[in-house]
Protein backbone atom coordinates (compact mmCIF):
# COMPACT_ATOMS: atom_id res chain seq x y z
CA MET A 1 -48.67 64.66 3.03
CA ILE A 2 -47.25 61.45 4.03
CA VAL A 3 -49.20 58.11 4.33
CA GLU A 4 -48.23 54.93 5.65
CA ILE A 5 -50.01 52.18 3.73
CA GLU A 6 -50.27 48.47 3.45
CA VAL A 7 -49.84 47.06 0.26
CA PHE A 8 -50.67 43.54 -0.83
CA ARG A 9 -48.76 41.81 -3.35
CA MET A 10 -50.67 39.00 -4.85
CA SER A 11 -50.46 36.38 -7.91
CA GLY A 12 -53.41 35.13 -9.85
CA ALA A 13 -51.84 32.32 -11.94
CA GLY A 14 -48.46 34.22 -12.01
CA ASN A 15 -50.41 37.51 -13.11
CA LEU A 16 -48.94 39.98 -10.35
CA PHE A 17 -50.59 42.49 -8.55
CA SER A 18 -50.24 45.28 -6.12
CA ILE A 19 -53.44 45.72 -4.06
CA ILE A 20 -54.58 47.73 -1.22
CA ASP A 21 -57.60 48.24 0.76
CA ASN A 22 -59.00 51.46 0.12
CA ARG A 23 -61.60 51.37 2.50
CA LYS A 24 -58.90 52.30 5.16
CA TYR A 25 -57.75 55.19 3.03
CA ASN A 26 -60.57 56.69 0.72
CA PHE A 27 -57.98 57.67 -1.78
CA ASP A 28 -59.39 59.69 -4.65
CA ASP A 29 -58.84 59.03 -8.41
CA ASN A 30 -55.90 61.30 -8.94
CA GLN A 31 -54.20 59.45 -5.93
CA LEU A 32 -55.15 55.90 -7.11
CA PHE A 33 -53.55 56.98 -10.61
CA TYR A 34 -50.28 58.11 -8.84
CA LEU A 35 -50.03 55.15 -6.81
CA SER A 36 -50.84 52.45 -9.94
CA LYS A 37 -47.53 53.75 -11.41
CA LEU A 38 -45.64 53.99 -8.01
CA LEU A 39 -46.63 50.65 -6.99
CA SER A 40 -46.35 48.63 -10.25
CA ASN A 41 -42.85 49.80 -11.21
CA ILE A 42 -39.58 49.46 -9.64
CA ASN A 43 -38.52 52.90 -7.98
CA ASP A 44 -36.98 54.30 -4.87
CA ILE A 45 -40.08 53.27 -2.85
CA ASN A 46 -41.50 50.25 -4.35
CA ASN A 47 -39.30 47.48 -5.27
CA PHE A 48 -41.99 44.93 -6.65
CA SER A 49 -43.01 44.84 -10.24
CA ALA A 50 -46.52 44.35 -10.94
CA GLU A 51 -48.57 43.87 -14.00
CA GLY A 52 -51.51 46.09 -12.26
CA PHE A 53 -52.82 47.70 -9.27
CA LEU A 54 -55.93 47.00 -7.52
CA ALA A 55 -57.85 49.57 -5.14
CA ILE A 56 -60.60 47.64 -3.21
CA SER A 57 -63.54 50.19 -1.49
CA ASP A 58 -66.89 49.66 -0.24
CA SER A 59 -69.87 49.55 -2.04
CA LYS A 60 -73.75 50.34 -1.19
CA ASN A 61 -75.26 47.59 -3.64
CA PHE A 62 -72.28 44.97 -3.50
CA ASP A 63 -69.76 43.42 -1.43
CA PHE A 64 -66.88 45.89 -2.71
CA GLU A 65 -65.74 47.48 -5.38
CA VAL A 66 -62.68 46.98 -7.21
CA LYS A 67 -60.69 49.89 -9.48
CA PHE A 68 -58.13 48.30 -11.64
CA TYR A 69 -55.16 50.27 -13.32
CA ASN A 70 -52.40 49.13 -15.63
CA PRO A 71 -48.61 50.26 -14.78
CA ASP A 72 -49.05 53.31 -16.88
CA GLY A 73 -52.06 54.38 -14.99
CA SER A 74 -54.69 53.58 -17.64
CA SER A 75 -57.67 52.17 -16.05
CA GLY A 76 -61.46 51.31 -17.04
CA MET A 77 -60.96 48.07 -18.36
CA MET A 78 -61.74 44.44 -16.71
CA CYS A 79 -58.95 42.41 -15.20
CA GLY A 80 -60.05 38.83 -14.85
CA ASN A 81 -56.91 37.70 -12.82
CA GLY A 82 -57.05 40.95 -10.66
CA GLY A 83 -60.83 40.20 -10.08
CA ARG A 84 -60.08 36.76 -8.95
CA CYS A 85 -57.23 38.12 -6.69
CA ALA A 86 -59.76 40.78 -5.14
CA ILE A 87 -62.01 37.81 -4.43
CA ASP A 88 -59.35 35.99 -2.51
CA PHE A 89 -58.26 39.02 -0.67
CA ALA A 90 -61.85 39.62 0.34
CA LEU A 91 -62.58 36.21 1.55
CA ASN A 92 -59.15 35.10 3.00
CA ASN A 93 -58.19 38.20 4.60
CA MET A 94 -61.57 38.93 6.19
CA PHE A 95 -61.99 42.15 4.33
CA LEU A 96 -65.96 41.60 4.65
CA GLU A 97 -67.57 41.81 8.01
CA LYS A 98 -68.90 38.21 7.57
CA LYS A 99 -67.06 35.55 5.72
CA HIS A 100 -68.79 34.49 2.56
CA ASN A 101 -68.08 31.59 0.03
CA THR A 102 -69.41 33.70 -2.64
CA VAL A 103 -69.07 37.52 -3.45
CA THR A 104 -70.69 39.96 -5.98
CA PHE A 105 -68.56 42.93 -6.62
CA LYS A 106 -68.58 46.02 -9.03
CA MET A 107 -65.41 46.40 -11.75
CA ALA A 108 -65.29 48.27 -14.75
CA ASN A 109 -68.79 49.33 -14.76
CA ASN A 110 -70.16 45.53 -14.39
CA THR A 111 -71.31 43.33 -11.85
CA TYR A 112 -69.34 40.07 -11.18
CA LYS A 113 -69.69 37.10 -9.07
CA GLY A 114 -66.82 34.94 -7.69
CA SER A 115 -66.37 32.07 -5.35
CA ILE A 116 -63.65 30.18 -3.53
CA PHE A 117 -62.75 26.49 -3.85
CA ASP A 118 -59.90 24.13 -2.14
CA ASP A 119 -58.29 24.45 -5.54
CA GLY A 120 -58.28 27.77 -6.65
CA ILE A 121 -60.46 31.15 -7.19
CA SER A 122 -63.70 31.28 -9.72
CA LEU A 123 -64.99 34.23 -11.64
CA VAL A 124 -68.25 34.48 -13.27
CA LEU A 125 -68.27 37.12 -16.20
CA PRO A 126 -71.21 38.10 -18.63
CA ALA A 127 -71.03 37.43 -22.07
CA PRO A 128 -68.48 39.04 -24.48
CA ILE A 129 -69.55 42.49 -25.58
CA GLU A 130 -68.43 41.89 -28.98
CA ILE A 131 -66.99 39.24 -31.15
CA VAL A 132 -65.51 39.68 -34.53
CA PHE A 133 -64.24 36.23 -36.09
CA ASN A 134 -61.79 36.33 -39.32
CA LYS A 135 -60.84 39.77 -38.88
CA MET A 136 -58.12 40.59 -41.12
CA LEU A 137 -54.82 42.40 -40.50
CA GLU A 138 -52.24 43.73 -43.15
CA ILE A 139 -49.13 43.64 -41.55
CA ASN A 140 -45.61 43.57 -43.64
CA ASN A 141 -47.62 43.21 -46.78
CA PHE A 142 -48.90 39.87 -45.49
CA SER A 143 -52.55 39.16 -44.26
CA ILE A 144 -53.26 37.67 -40.73
CA SER A 145 -56.60 36.54 -39.68
CA GLY A 146 -57.68 36.53 -36.44
CA THR A 147 -60.30 36.97 -33.70
CA TYR A 148 -61.52 40.12 -32.01
CA ILE A 149 -63.22 39.71 -28.68
CA ASN A 150 -64.52 42.62 -26.20
CA VAL A 151 -64.79 41.27 -22.84
CA SER A 152 -64.77 44.65 -21.03
CA SER A 153 -60.95 44.45 -22.23
CA ASP A 154 -60.41 43.97 -25.96
CA HIS A 155 -58.29 41.33 -27.02
CA PHE A 156 -56.96 40.08 -30.74
CA ILE A 157 -56.38 36.19 -30.96
CA ILE A 158 -53.92 34.73 -33.34
CA ASN A 159 -52.76 31.01 -33.76
CA PHE A 160 -49.12 30.96 -33.59
CA ASP A 161 -48.94 28.52 -36.74
CA ASP A 162 -50.46 31.26 -39.14
CA LEU A 163 -47.32 33.18 -38.19
CA ASP A 164 -44.80 31.01 -39.92
CA LYS A 165 -44.59 33.64 -42.66
CA PHE A 166 -42.69 36.28 -40.21
CA GLY A 167 -40.12 33.95 -39.15
CA ILE A 168 -40.89 34.41 -35.35
CA GLN A 169 -40.36 31.48 -32.97
CA PHE A 170 -42.89 30.59 -30.03
CA ASN A 171 -40.88 31.98 -27.20
CA LYS A 172 -41.23 35.37 -25.03
CA SER A 173 -38.39 37.21 -26.80
CA ASP A 174 -39.76 36.89 -30.49
CA ILE A 175 -43.44 37.34 -29.74
CA ASN A 176 -42.71 40.77 -27.40
CA THR A 177 -40.89 41.99 -30.48
CA PHE A 178 -43.63 41.00 -33.09
CA ALA A 179 -46.95 41.84 -30.97
CA PRO A 180 -46.67 45.56 -31.02
CA LYS A 181 -47.23 45.54 -34.78
CA ILE A 182 -50.68 44.16 -33.80
CA ARG A 183 -51.40 46.25 -30.43
CA TYR A 184 -51.02 49.41 -32.40
CA HIS A 185 -52.31 48.25 -35.63
CA GLN A 186 -54.74 51.01 -37.32
CA GLY A 187 -57.48 48.07 -37.49
CA PHE A 188 -58.00 49.05 -34.00
CA ASP A 189 -59.16 52.18 -32.19
CA LEU A 190 -56.93 54.76 -30.68
CA ASN A 191 -56.41 52.71 -27.46
CA GLY A 192 -55.00 49.50 -29.51
CA VAL A 193 -55.65 46.04 -28.41
CA ASN A 194 -54.26 43.46 -26.38
CA VAL A 195 -52.39 40.82 -28.45
CA ASN A 196 -52.74 36.81 -27.83
CA ILE A 197 -50.84 34.37 -29.63
CA PHE A 198 -51.42 30.85 -28.92
CA LYS A 199 -50.32 27.30 -29.62
CA LYS A 200 -52.37 24.40 -29.59
CA VAL A 201 -51.03 20.96 -28.32
CA GLY A 202 -53.83 18.45 -28.69
CA ASN A 203 -56.87 20.18 -26.58
CA ILE A 204 -54.42 22.23 -24.39
CA ILE A 205 -53.67 25.74 -25.10
CA TYR A 206 -50.20 27.53 -24.71
CA LEU A 207 -50.74 31.43 -24.76
CA TYR A 208 -48.58 34.65 -24.63
CA THR A 209 -50.62 37.73 -23.94
CA TYR A 210 -48.89 41.09 -24.78
CA GLU A 211 -50.84 43.57 -22.54
CA ARG A 212 -51.73 47.19 -23.40
CA GLY A 213 -50.68 49.24 -20.55
CA VAL A 214 -47.94 46.92 -19.50
CA GLU A 215 -46.54 46.53 -22.96
CA SER A 216 -45.02 43.32 -22.57
CA ILE A 217 -45.92 39.70 -22.28
CA THR A 218 -47.23 39.30 -18.75
CA GLY A 219 -47.04 36.10 -16.55
CA ALA A 220 -50.94 35.35 -17.04
CA CYS A 221 -54.00 37.06 -18.37
CA GLY A 222 -57.51 36.17 -17.52
CA THR A 223 -59.43 38.17 -20.08
CA GLY A 224 -56.90 37.12 -22.57
CA ALA A 225 -57.05 33.35 -21.15
CA ILE A 226 -60.55 33.86 -21.88
CA SER A 227 -60.84 35.45 -25.43
CA THR A 228 -58.45 32.86 -26.44
CA ALA A 229 -60.85 29.95 -25.28
CA ILE A 230 -63.66 31.22 -27.01
CA HIS A 231 -61.68 31.57 -30.42
CA CYS A 232 -60.43 28.02 -29.69
CA HIS A 233 -63.78 26.48 -28.97
CA TYR A 234 -65.58 28.19 -31.75
CA ILE A 235 -62.59 28.19 -34.73
CA GLU A 236 -60.47 25.30 -33.46
CA LYS A 237 -63.42 23.38 -32.20
CA ILE A 238 -61.60 22.51 -28.70
CA PRO A 239 -64.20 21.39 -26.38
CA LEU A 240 -65.14 22.98 -23.23
CA PRO A 241 -63.88 23.41 -20.33
CA ILE A 242 -60.75 24.47 -21.72
CA MET A 243 -57.23 24.50 -20.09
CA ILE A 244 -54.51 27.41 -20.70
CA TYR A 245 -51.27 27.62 -19.84
CA PRO A 246 -49.69 31.07 -19.81
CA PRO A 247 -46.02 31.66 -19.35
CA SER A 248 -46.04 31.52 -15.58
CA SER A 249 -47.01 27.64 -16.10
CA ILE A 250 -49.86 27.99 -13.70
CA PRO A 251 -52.89 26.85 -15.59
CA LEU A 252 -56.14 28.75 -15.98
CA PHE A 253 -59.42 26.92 -16.99
CA ILE A 254 -62.23 28.60 -18.76
CA ASP A 255 -65.99 27.45 -19.14
CA PHE A 256 -69.15 28.82 -20.26
CA GLU A 257 -72.51 28.18 -21.22
CA LYS A 258 -74.47 28.93 -24.51
CA ASN A 259 -78.30 29.46 -25.18
CA GLU A 260 -80.32 27.99 -27.67
CA ASN A 261 -78.79 30.30 -30.38
CA ASP A 262 -75.39 29.21 -29.62
CA GLU A 263 -74.73 32.46 -28.20
CA ILE A 264 -72.09 32.61 -24.98
CA LYS A 265 -73.30 33.26 -21.14
CA ASN A 266 -72.00 32.82 -18.01
CA VAL A 267 -68.07 32.70 -18.62
CA LEU A 268 -66.18 31.24 -15.62
CA LEU A 269 -62.67 31.93 -15.23
CA LYS A 270 -61.06 29.52 -12.23
CA GLY A 271 -57.30 29.23 -11.19
CA HIS A 272 -54.79 29.61 -8.46
CA SER A 273 -54.56 32.90 -6.42
CA GLU A 274 -52.26 33.88 -3.44
CA ILE A 275 -50.84 36.51 -1.37
CA ILE A 276 -47.02 36.93 -2.00
CA ARG A 277 -46.12 39.42 0.82
CA ARG A 278 -47.43 42.38 2.72
CA ASP A 279 -45.43 45.68 2.52
CA VAL A 280 -45.78 48.72 4.43
CA LEU A 281 -44.81 51.75 2.55
CA LYS A 282 -44.32 55.63 3.33
CA ILE A 283 -46.11 57.30 0.54
CA ASN A 284 -45.56 61.13 -0.23
CA PHE A 285 -48.58 62.93 -1.62
CA ASN A 286 -47.28 66.21 -2.77
């Protein structure tokens, strides 16, 4: 069966996605799994390298539903910049029957809200599922202390200044080589963990995120930026809101509220989003 589909290429602060309006096609999970790998990697059909694939579908209870897949076909996790791109796609491309400023949608078995502003797209996320400060890992007979945070996508956060014992530099090449030692570390479950290594310059954070399922540093990572901001607020004592620069150099802004027990609620992720181009591809489902 050959199907002609529209594929939109989007950037969320430099985090690159292929996105489809699955209301038109009603592809099932097996077909979406196939598309996720096909439309995220360079091949005979697809000439765009994406860091994730998004399929937007109708929802009975919300404005829409989003399914997110990594380039290796893994799914079920939250993607912050993917969620922001989905909001942008819905609001700016008349995905909804009536144009809104704020939407509510389902993604990764949670409910999220988002809005569009003149200077970007904002996404509100619930409190983290789990936070473990000062988690110790042993690597090459050295101990590293970092923070593990699960925001429906789990991350480990390390201050680059704590890595001088490994002799690595704060650049993409060195961190791409070092990060897998943490990504696959036995201190995490079989799925491993996303790895965030940051450098603090004043109150601004420069961040590399090595993403599970991409197996490389990505242009940006929304949930990685959120997790790193939480670490930096509590451990590095950086005041909110926090500005984070990913490798794309397109900043992300993170803020959150705290209750009377200093517990996090209403996490806000804000940044740039845009459609890069629209492709029409003929896909053969065999």
